[in-house]
C-alpha atoms as a PDB file:
ATOM      1  CA  UNK A   1      38.001   1.678  22.121  1.00  0.00           C
ATOM      2  CA  UNK A   2      34.500   2.485  22.776  1.00  0.00           C
ATOM      3  CA  UNK A   3      31.329   0.075  23.015  1.00  0.00           C
ATOM      4  CA  UNK A   4      29.507   0.799  20.180  1.00  0.00           C
ATOM      5  CA  UNK A   5      28.852   1.845  16.529  1.00  0.00           C
ATOM      6  CA  UNK A   6      26.234   2.783  13.912  1.00  0.00           C
ATOM      7  CA  UNK A   7      25.123   0.283  10.915  1.00  0.00           C
ATOM      8  CA  UNK A   8      22.406  -0.375   8.822  1.00  0.00           C
ATOM      9  CA  UNK A   9      20.571  -3.486   8.332  1.00  0.00           C
ATOM     10  CA  UNK A  10      21.356  -5.276   4.868  1.00  0.00           C
ATOM     11  CA  UNK A  11      18.574  -8.327   5.817  1.00  0.00           C
ATOM     12  CA  UNK A  12      19.014 -12.298   6.916  1.00  0.00           C
ATOM     13  CA  UNK A  13      20.698 -14.923   5.589  1.00  0.00           C
ATOM     14  CA  UNK A  14      21.739 -18.529   7.026  1.00  0.00           C
ATOM     15  CA  UNK A  15      25.005 -19.576   7.411  1.00  0.00           C
ATOM     16  CA  UNK A  16      26.616 -23.243   9.077  1.00  0.00           C
ATOM     17  CA  UNK A  17      28.599 -23.424  12.313  1.00  0.00           C
ATOM     18  CA  UNK A  18      31.739 -25.901  12.828  1.00  0.00           C
ATOM     19  CA  UNK A  19      28.837 -28.881  13.538  1.00  0.00           C
ATOM     20  CA  UNK A  20      27.098 -28.415  10.152  1.00  0.00           C
ATOM     21  CA  UNK A  21      23.778 -26.945  11.787  1.00  0.00           C
ATOM     22  CA  UNK A  22      22.156 -23.948   9.717  1.00  0.00           C
ATOM     23  CA  UNK A  23      22.205 -20.977  11.702  1.00  0.00           C
ATOM     24  CA  UNK A  24      19.533 -17.473  11.025  1.00  0.00           C
ATOM     25  CA  UNK A  25      21.728 -14.190  11.144  1.00  0.00           C
ATOM     26  CA  UNK A  26      21.051 -10.867  10.585  1.00  0.00           C
ATOM     27  CA  UNK A  27      23.671  -9.262   8.004  1.00  0.00           C
ATOM     28  CA  UNK A  28      24.828  -5.642   9.236  1.00  0.00           C
ATOM     29  CA  UNK A  29      26.972  -3.032   7.834  1.00  0.00           C
ATOM     30  CA  UNK A  30      28.751  -1.690  11.001  1.00  0.00           C
ATOM     31  CA  UNK A  31      30.515   1.439  10.236  1.00  0.00           C
ATOM     32  CA  UNK A  32      32.887   2.681   9.247  1.00  0.00           C
ATOM     33  CA  UNK A  33      32.180   5.706  11.220  1.00  0.00           C
ATOM     34  CA  UNK A  34      33.572   9.085  12.115  1.00  0.00           C
ATOM     35  CA  UNK A  35      33.979  10.705  15.003  1.00  0.00           C
ATOM     36  CA  UNK A  36      32.357  14.543  14.561  1.00  0.00           C
ATOM     37  CA  UNK A  37      32.194  15.595  18.181  1.00  0.00           C
ATOM     38  CA  UNK A  38      33.397  14.743  21.601  1.00  0.00           C
ATOM     39  CA  UNK A  39      31.293  15.471  24.833  1.00  0.00           C
ATOM     40  CA  UNK A  40      33.336  15.756  27.775  1.00  0.00           C
ATOM     41  CA  UNK A  41      32.156  15.654  31.561  1.00  0.00           C
ATOM     42  CA  UNK A  42      33.867  19.277  32.036  1.00  0.00           C
ATOM     43  CA  UNK A  43      31.920  20.691  29.421  1.00  0.00           C
ATOM     44  CA  UNK A  44      28.812  18.574  28.726  1.00  0.00           C
ATOM     45  CA  UNK A  45      28.391  16.804  32.258  1.00  0.00           C
ATOM     46  CA  UNK A  46      28.816  13.607  30.690  1.00  0.00           C
ATOM     47  CA  UNK A  47      31.030  11.639  28.378  1.00  0.00           C
ATOM     48  CA  UNK A  48      30.286  10.889  24.660  1.00  0.00           C
ATOM     49  CA  UNK A  49      31.365  10.593  21.289  1.00  0.00           C
ATOM     50  CA  UNK A  50      29.309  11.523  18.075  1.00  0.00           C
ATOM     51  CA  UNK A  51      29.343   9.274  15.425  1.00  0.00           C
ATOM     52  CA  UNK A  52      28.615  10.143  11.863  1.00  0.00           C
ATOM     53  CA  UNK A  53      27.817   7.338   9.667  1.00  0.00           C
ATOM     54  CA  UNK A  54      27.442   7.075   5.611  1.00  0.00           C
ATOM     55  CA  UNK A  55      28.861  10.279   3.542  1.00  0.00           C
ATOM     56  CA  UNK A  56      26.218  12.598   1.780  1.00  0.00           C
ATOM     57  CA  UNK A  57      26.794  15.304  -0.792  1.00  0.00           C
ATOM     58  CA  UNK A  58      26.766  18.851   0.724  1.00  0.00           C
ATOM     59  CA  UNK A  59      23.923  19.836  -1.395  1.00  0.00           C
ATOM     60  CA  UNK A  60      21.137  20.290   0.980  1.00  0.00           C
ATOM     61  CA  UNK A  61      22.800  20.919   4.259  1.00  0.00           C
ATOM     62  CA  UNK A  62      21.438  23.736   6.401  1.00  0.00           C
ATOM     63  CA  UNK A  63      24.182  26.259   7.356  1.00  0.00           C
ATOM     64  CA  UNK A  64      24.458  25.341  11.348  1.00  0.00           C
ATOM     65  CA  UNK A  65      25.146  21.486   9.879  1.00  0.00           C
ATOM     66  CA  UNK A  66      27.538  22.817   7.529  1.00  0.00           C
ATOM     67  CA  UNK A  67      29.332  24.412   9.698  1.00  0.00           C
ATOM     68  CA  UNK A  68      29.656  21.646  12.389  1.00  0.00           C
ATOM     69  CA  UNK A  69      31.172  19.145   9.758  1.00  0.00           C
ATOM     70  CA  UNK A  70      33.567  21.872   8.668  1.00  0.00           C
ATOM     71  CA  UNK A  71      34.580  22.366  12.001  1.00  0.00           C
ATOM     72  CA  UNK A  72      35.334  18.827  12.806  1.00  0.00           C
ATOM     73  CA  UNK A  73      36.766  18.636   9.279  1.00  0.00           C
ATOM     74  CA  UNK A  74      35.059  15.698   8.268  1.00  0.00           C
ATOM     75  CA  UNK A  75      32.647  14.921   5.110  1.00  0.00           C
ATOM     76  CA  UNK A  76      28.851  15.274   5.906  1.00  0.00           C
ATOM     77  CA  UNK A  77      27.100  12.375   6.827  1.00  0.00           C
ATOM     78  CA  UNK A  78      23.545  11.084   6.617  1.00  0.00           C
ATOM     79  CA  UNK A  79      23.414  10.059  10.339  1.00  0.00           C
ATOM     80  CA  UNK A  80      24.717  11.283  13.592  1.00  0.00           C
ATOM     81  CA  UNK A  81      24.245   9.821  17.090  1.00  0.00           C
ATOM     82  CA  UNK A  82      25.756   9.915  20.089  1.00  0.00           C
ATOM     83  CA  UNK A  83      27.385   6.800  22.157  1.00  0.00           C
ATOM     84  CA  UNK A  84      27.955   7.038  25.606  1.00  0.00           C
ATOM     85  CA  UNK A  85      31.911   6.768  26.872  1.00  0.00           C
ATOM     86  CA  UNK A  86      33.719   6.508  30.010  1.00  0.00           C
ATOM     87  CA  UNK A  87      34.600   9.493  31.131  1.00  0.00           C
ATOM     88  CA  UNK A  88      38.135   8.061  31.603  1.00  0.00           C
ATOM     89  CA  UNK A  89      38.367   6.855  27.809  1.00  0.00           C
ATOM     90  CA  UNK A  90      37.094   9.809  25.836  1.00  0.00           C
ATOM     91  CA  UNK A  91      40.678  11.382  25.453  1.00  0.00           C
ATOM     92  CA  UNK A  92      41.592   8.265  23.511  1.00  0.00           C
ATOM     93  CA  UNK A  93      39.450   9.468  20.789  1.00  0.00           C
ATOM     94  CA  UNK A  94      39.998  12.475  18.380  1.00  0.00           C
ATOM     95  CA  UNK A  95      37.744  14.617  16.356  1.00  0.00           C
ATOM     96  CA  UNK A  96      37.854  12.951  12.621  1.00  0.00           C
ATOM     97  CA  UNK A  97      39.130   9.297  13.956  1.00  0.00           C
ATOM     98  CA  UNK A  98      37.567   6.419  11.952  1.00  0.00           C
ATOM     99  CA  UNK A  99      36.088   3.363  13.813  1.00  0.00           C
ATOM    100  CA  UNK A 100      35.406   0.402  12.374  1.00  0.00           C
ATOM    101  CA  UNK A 101      33.607  -3.114  13.685  1.00  0.00           C
ATOM    102  CA  UNK A 102      36.565  -5.120  13.972  1.00  0.00           C
ATOM    103  CA  UNK A 103      38.045  -2.516  16.427  1.00  0.00           C
ATOM    104  CA  UNK A 104      35.332  -3.003  19.103  1.00  0.00           C
ATOM    105  CA  UNK A 105      33.838  -6.468  18.621  1.00  0.00           C
ATOM    106  CA  UNK A 106      34.926  -9.996  17.984  1.00  0.00           C
ATOM    107  CA  UNK A 107      33.514 -13.419  17.214  1.00  0.00           C
ATOM    108  CA  UNK A 108      31.114 -14.492  20.448  1.00  0.00           C
ATOM    109  CA  UNK A 109      30.706 -10.893  21.691  1.00  0.00           C
ATOM    110  CA  UNK A 110      27.271 -10.372  23.155  1.00  0.00           C
ATOM    111  CA  UNK A 111      25.794  -7.129  21.618  1.00  0.00           C
ATOM    112  CA  UNK A 112      22.422  -4.849  21.999  1.00  0.00           C
ATOM    113  CA  UNK A 113      21.056  -3.582  18.876  1.00  0.00           C
ATOM    114  CA  UNK A 114      18.656  -0.475  18.811  1.00  0.00           C
ATOM    115  CA  UNK A 115      16.188   0.345  15.915  1.00  0.00           C
ATOM    116  CA  UNK A 116      12.821   1.606  14.660  1.00  0.00           C
ATOM    117  CA  UNK A 117      10.562  -1.605  14.077  1.00  0.00           C
ATOM    118  CA  UNK A 118       8.630  -1.731  11.144  1.00  0.00           C
ATOM    119  CA  UNK A 119       5.319   0.285  10.844  1.00  0.00           C
ATOM    120  CA  UNK A 120       2.317  -1.974  10.509  1.00  0.00           C
ATOM    121  CA  UNK A 121      -0.529   0.642  10.003  1.00  0.00           C
ATOM    122  CA  UNK A 122      -3.716   1.027  12.015  1.00  0.00           C
ATOM    123  CA  UNK A 123      -4.206  -1.982  13.823  1.00  0.00           C
ATOM    124  CA  UNK A 124      -7.172  -3.406  16.017  1.00  0.00           C
ATOM    125  CA  UNK A 125      -6.910  -4.911  19.463  1.00  0.00           C
ATOM    126  CA  UNK A 126      -7.177  -8.704  18.438  1.00  0.00           C
ATOM    127  CA  UNK A 127      -3.817  -8.020  16.845  1.00  0.00           C
ATOM    128  CA  UNK A 128      -2.558  -5.414  18.246  1.00  0.00           C
ATOM    129  CA  UNK A 129      -2.729  -6.422  21.809  1.00  0.00           C
ATOM    130  CA  UNK A 130      -3.734 -10.471  21.134  1.00  0.00           C
ATOM    131  CA  UNK A 131      -7.545  -9.761  22.548  1.00  0.00           C
ATOM    132  CA  UNK A 132      -9.437 -12.801  22.806  1.00  0.00           C
ATOM    133  CA  UNK A 133     -12.521 -10.942  21.252  1.00  0.00           C
ATOM    134  CA  UNK A 134     -16.095 -11.902  21.320  1.00  0.00           C
ATOM    135  CA  UNK A 135     -17.654 -15.090  20.557  1.00  0.00           C
ATOM    136  CA  UNK A 136     -18.231 -16.335  17.365  1.00  0.00           C
ATOM    137  CA  UNK A 137     -21.819 -17.507  17.627  1.00  0.00           C
ATOM    138  CA  UNK A 138     -24.887 -15.999  15.937  1.00  0.00           C
ATOM    139  CA  UNK A 139     -25.774 -12.660  16.821  1.00  0.00           C
ATOM    140  CA  UNK A 140     -22.467 -11.210  17.429  1.00  0.00           C
ATOM    141  CA  UNK A 141     -22.257  -9.123  14.042  1.00  0.00           C
ATOM    142  CA  UNK A 142     -19.303  -7.186  13.541  1.00  0.00           C
ATOM    143  CA  UNK A 143     -18.347  -7.307  17.773  1.00  0.00           C
ATOM    144  CA  UNK A 144     -16.442 -10.572  17.531  1.00  0.00           C
ATOM    145  CA  UNK A 145     -13.108  -8.251  17.205  1.00  0.00           C
ATOM    146  CA  UNK A 146     -13.958  -5.019  19.349  1.00  0.00           C
ATOM    147  CA  UNK A 147     -12.190  -4.508  22.399  1.00  0.00           C
ATOM    148  CA  UNK A 148     -15.730  -4.649  24.619  1.00  0.00           C
ATOM    149  CA  UNK A 149     -16.654  -2.181  27.259  1.00  0.00           C
ATOM    150  CA  UNK A 150     -14.427   0.656  28.072  1.00  0.00           C
ATOM    151  CA  UNK A 151     -17.242   3.030  29.476  1.00  0.00           C
ATOM    152  CA  UNK A 152     -17.322   4.619  33.060  1.00  0.00           C
ATOM    153  CA  UNK A 153     -20.263   5.260  35.623  1.00  0.00           C
ATOM    154  CA  UNK A 154     -21.353   8.624  36.628  1.00  0.00           C
ATOM    155  CA  UNK A 155     -17.805   9.196  38.329  1.00  0.00           C
ATOM    156  CA  UNK A 156     -15.205   9.708  36.790  1.00  0.00           C
ATOM    157  CA  UNK A 157     -17.333   9.555  33.487  1.00  0.00           C
ATOM    158  CA  UNK A 158     -14.303   9.127  31.202  1.00  0.00           C
ATOM    159  CA  UNK A 159     -12.230   6.561  29.652  1.00  0.00           C
ATOM    160  CA  UNK A 160      -8.730   6.210  31.840  1.00  0.00           C
ATOM    161  CA  UNK A 161      -5.553   6.722  30.062  1.00  0.00           C
ATOM    162  CA  UNK A 162      -3.301   3.992  28.921  1.00  0.00           C
ATOM    163  CA  UNK A 163      -6.788   1.798  27.886  1.00  0.00           C
ATOM    164  CA  UNK A 164      -5.405  -0.555  25.081  1.00  0.00           C
ATOM    165  CA  UNK A 165      -7.406   0.240  22.358  1.00  0.00           C
ATOM    166  CA  UNK A 166      -6.887   0.279  18.469  1.00  0.00           C
ATOM    167  CA  UNK A 167      -4.167   2.472  16.797  1.00  0.00           C
ATOM    168  CA  UNK A 168      -0.847   2.724  15.232  1.00  0.00           C
ATOM    169  CA  UNK A 169       1.145  -0.561  15.035  1.00  0.00           C
ATOM    170  CA  UNK A 170       4.794  -0.512  15.058  1.00  0.00           C
ATOM    171  CA  UNK A 171       7.163   2.197  14.261  1.00  0.00           C
ATOM    172  CA  UNK A 172       8.867   2.408  17.509  1.00  0.00           C
ATOM    173  CA  UNK A 173      12.160   2.390  19.066  1.00  0.00           C
ATOM    174  CA  UNK A 174      12.842  -1.472  19.885  1.00  0.00           C
ATOM    175  CA  UNK A 175      16.036  -2.447  21.566  1.00  0.00           C
ATOM    176  CA  UNK A 176      16.999  -6.678  21.281  1.00  0.00           C
ATOM    177  CA  UNK A 177      19.586  -7.689  23.957  1.00  0.00           C
ATOM    178  CA  UNK A 178      22.380  -9.838  24.658  1.00  0.00           C
ATOM    179  CA  UNK A 179      22.939 -11.308  21.148  1.00  0.00           C
ATOM    180  CA  UNK A 180      25.730 -13.155  20.133  1.00  0.00           C
ATOM    181  CA  UNK A 181      28.053 -12.323  17.108  1.00  0.00           C
ATOM    182  CA  UNK A 182      28.344 -15.436  14.579  1.00  0.00           C
ATOM    183  CA  UNK A 183      30.656 -14.157  12.212  1.00  0.00           C
ATOM    184  CA  UNK A 184      32.684 -10.934  11.063  1.00  0.00           C
ATOM    185  CA  UNK A 185      33.593  -9.734   7.612  1.00  0.00           C
ATOM    186  CA  UNK A 186      36.676  -7.041   8.377  1.00  0.00           C
ATOM    187  CA  UNK A 187      37.009  -6.056   4.765  1.00  0.00           C
ATOM    188  CA  UNK A 188      33.143  -5.170   4.453  1.00  0.00           C
ATOM    189  CA  UNK A 189      32.473  -4.396   8.093  1.00  0.00           C
ATOM    190  CA  UNK A 190      29.757  -6.748   8.021  1.00  0.00           C
ATOM    191  CA  UNK A 191      28.695  -8.742  11.323  1.00  0.00           C
ATOM    192  CA  UNK A 192      26.614 -11.666  11.151  1.00  0.00           C
ATOM    193  CA  UNK A 193      24.447 -11.782  14.123  1.00  0.00           C
ATOM    194  CA  UNK A 194      22.367 -14.712  15.590  1.00  0.00           C
ATOM    195  CA  UNK A 195      18.479 -14.274  15.203  1.00  0.00           C
ATOM    196  CA  UNK A 196      16.558 -11.122  13.968  1.00  0.00           C
ATOM    197  CA  UNK A 197      16.558  -7.048  14.531  1.00  0.00           C
ATOM    198  CA  UNK A 198      14.035  -4.513  14.486  1.00  0.00           C
ATOM    199  CA  UNK A 199      13.576  -2.499  11.343  1.00  0.00           C
ATOM    200  CA  UNK A 200      13.662  -3.037   7.422  1.00  0.00           C
ATOM    201  CA  UNK A 201      16.801  -3.343   5.289  1.00  0.00           C
ATOM    202  CA  UNK A 202      18.510  -0.158   5.244  1.00  0.00           C
ATOM    203  CA  UNK A 203      17.241   1.001   8.123  1.00  0.00           C
ATOM    204  CA  UNK A 204      19.965   2.788  10.623  1.00  0.00           C
ATOM    205  CA  UNK A 205      21.007   0.550  13.933  1.00  0.00           C
ATOM    206  CA  UNK A 206      22.661   1.172  16.882  1.00  0.00           C
ATOM    207  CA  UNK A 207      24.921  -1.543  17.748  1.00  0.00           C
ATOM    208  CA  UNK A 208      26.535  -1.783  21.660  1.00  0.00           C
ATOM    209  CA  UNK A 209      28.087  -4.310  23.589  1.00  0.00           C
ATOM    210  CA  UNK A 210      25.889  -5.919  26.137  1.00  0.00           C
ATOM    211  CA  UNK A 211      26.849  -4.273  29.742  1.00  0.00           C
ATOM    212  CA  UNK A 212      27.177  -7.169  32.024  1.00  0.00           C
ATOM    213  CA  UNK A 213      25.847  -6.412  35.037  1.00  0.00           C
ATOM    214  CA  UNK A 214      26.986  -8.056  38.452  1.00  0.00           C
ATOM    215  CA  UNK A 215      24.736  -9.806  40.953  1.00  0.00           C
ATOM    216  CA  UNK A 216      24.575  -8.848  44.285  1.00  0.00           C
ATOM    217  CA  UNK A 217      25.431 -11.437  46.754  1.00  0.00           C
ATOM    218  CA  UNK A 218      22.476 -12.533  49.087  1.00  0.00           C
ATOM    219  CA  UNK A 219      23.287 -12.145  52.509  1.00  0.00           C
ATOM    220  CA  UNK A 220      22.189 -15.649  54.584  1.00  0.00           C
ATOM    221  CA  UNK A 221      19.993 -14.878  57.280  1.00  0.00           C
END
């Protein structure tokens, strides 16, 4: 089967392993997903599956999306994302096919989880970048949490790009890699994975198998 699936974060809880140790896990509702389209090398220059997750009502769909789902012969879904598939495996799938988490993963597998981190609003440099800040002695006043001097001389006479300054924090795409699967509930399509993942409960997640990279053998000189 493929190497990825769509899901949503349910929350965190604690489970016990065979030795009686409590393990913090994140619960993910992974699938079921339906194949809504296929991307082939011959037509699209790459191989991928377009997966739909969580059914929704037809009301509110745009005409193009309504036609897209009717062409695939599947019910409308809330989320659509593409999962890359090896060109040789794309023929194993059919449009309208349902994919479950148990078809791809098993207990002990390492996975990568991608999601949108929680938004934390406007933040200063101390909170956002862990700046030390100014001294806490008398006379500092409101400059204790300021970034410090950011100006330039006559040339170039501007603030350089990528300067770490106050701004919006969070609400960006984050990928947590190499997380082991602790337990799988096949009946409810639930994955229990060790540790935390980005996003708040209910948010969309993309779960993929971790790709093992072979280390190149170093030549002896």
